[in-house]
């Protein structure tokens, strides 16, 4: 039973962060497309802003690994 709960907790750690990241990136992406239409020189900034939320998924993966491996 304990392994099942640990697996469920690890799945939640990755799943919830992935859903939150997808939602945030959709908002940033649509706003970025509008900004690029008016100011094409903002391309590098928008790429960085889209990439920043990916760290949430990476941290969720780290937490899931810590849960599964008992660190």
Protein backbone atom coordinates (compact mmCIF):
# COMPACT_ATOMS: atom_id res chain seq x y z
CA UNK A 1 0.00 0.00 0.00
CA UNK A 2 2.86 2.36 0.80
CA UNK A 3 4.37 1.95 -2.68
CA UNK A 4 1.03 2.74 -4.28
CA UNK A 5 0.74 5.97 -2.31
CA UNK A 6 4.32 6.92 -3.15
CA UNK A 7 3.63 6.32 -6.84
CA UNK A 8 0.45 8.38 -6.64
CA UNK A 9 2.30 11.22 -4.91
CA UNK A 10 5.03 11.14 -7.56
CA UNK A 11 2.42 11.18 -10.32
CA UNK A 12 0.75 14.18 -8.71
CA UNK A 13 4.09 15.97 -8.39
CA UNK A 14 4.69 15.71 -12.12
CA UNK A 15 1.11 15.89 -13.33
CA UNK A 16 0.05 19.01 -11.48
CA UNK A 17 3.20 20.91 -12.36
CA UNK A 18 2.84 19.89 -16.01
CA UNK A 19 -0.78 21.07 -16.12
CA UNK A 20 0.08 24.37 -14.44
CA UNK A 21 2.99 24.91 -16.82
CA UNK A 22 0.83 24.18 -19.86
CA UNK A 23 -1.79 26.66 -18.70
CA UNK A 24 0.77 29.39 -18.00
CA UNK A 25 2.60 28.83 -21.28
CA UNK A 26 -0.64 29.10 -23.22
CA UNK A 27 -1.28 32.49 -21.65
CA UNK A 28 2.30 33.67 -22.22
CA UNK A 29 2.29 32.33 -25.78
CA UNK A 30 -0.88 34.13 -26.80
CA UNK A 31 0.28 37.38 -25.23
CA UNK A 32 3.69 36.92 -26.83
CA UNK A 33 2.17 36.44 -30.27
CA UNK A 34 0.31 39.70 -29.88
CA UNK A 35 3.45 41.49 -28.72
CA UNK A 36 5.49 40.07 -31.60
CA UNK A 37 2.94 41.38 -34.08
CA UNK A 38 3.61 44.89 -32.89
CA UNK A 39 7.28 44.69 -31.82
CA UNK A 40 9.29 41.93 -33.55
CA UNK A 41 12.41 42.88 -31.59
CA UNK A 42 10.88 41.29 -28.48
CA UNK A 43 11.37 37.76 -29.84
CA UNK A 44 14.26 36.84 -27.52
CA UNK A 45 12.44 38.12 -24.45
CA UNK A 46 9.28 36.19 -25.31
CA UNK A 47 11.24 32.98 -25.86
CA UNK A 48 12.78 33.39 -22.40
CA UNK A 49 9.39 34.09 -20.84
CA UNK A 50 7.93 30.95 -22.40
CA UNK A 51 10.90 28.84 -21.22
CA UNK A 52 10.88 30.00 -17.58
CA UNK A 53 7.76 28.03 -16.50
CA UNK A 54 9.42 24.81 -17.70
CA UNK A 55 11.47 24.92 -14.52
CA UNK A 56 8.28 24.01 -12.64
CA UNK A 57 8.09 20.69 -14.49
CA UNK A 58 11.77 20.04 -13.89
CA UNK A 59 11.32 20.71 -10.18
CA UNK A 60 8.24 18.49 -10.16
CA UNK A 61 10.34 15.71 -11.69
CA UNK A 62 12.99 16.21 -9.02
CA UNK A 63 10.37 16.01 -6.27
CA UNK A 64 8.89 12.86 -7.84
CA UNK A 65 12.34 11.27 -8.00
CA UNK A 66 12.94 12.17 -4.37
CA UNK A 67 9.60 10.60 -3.41
CA UNK A 68 10.23 7.40 -5.36
CA UNK A 69 13.85 6.93 -4.33
CA UNK A 70 13.30 7.95 -0.71
CA UNK A 71 15.76 10.79 -0.59
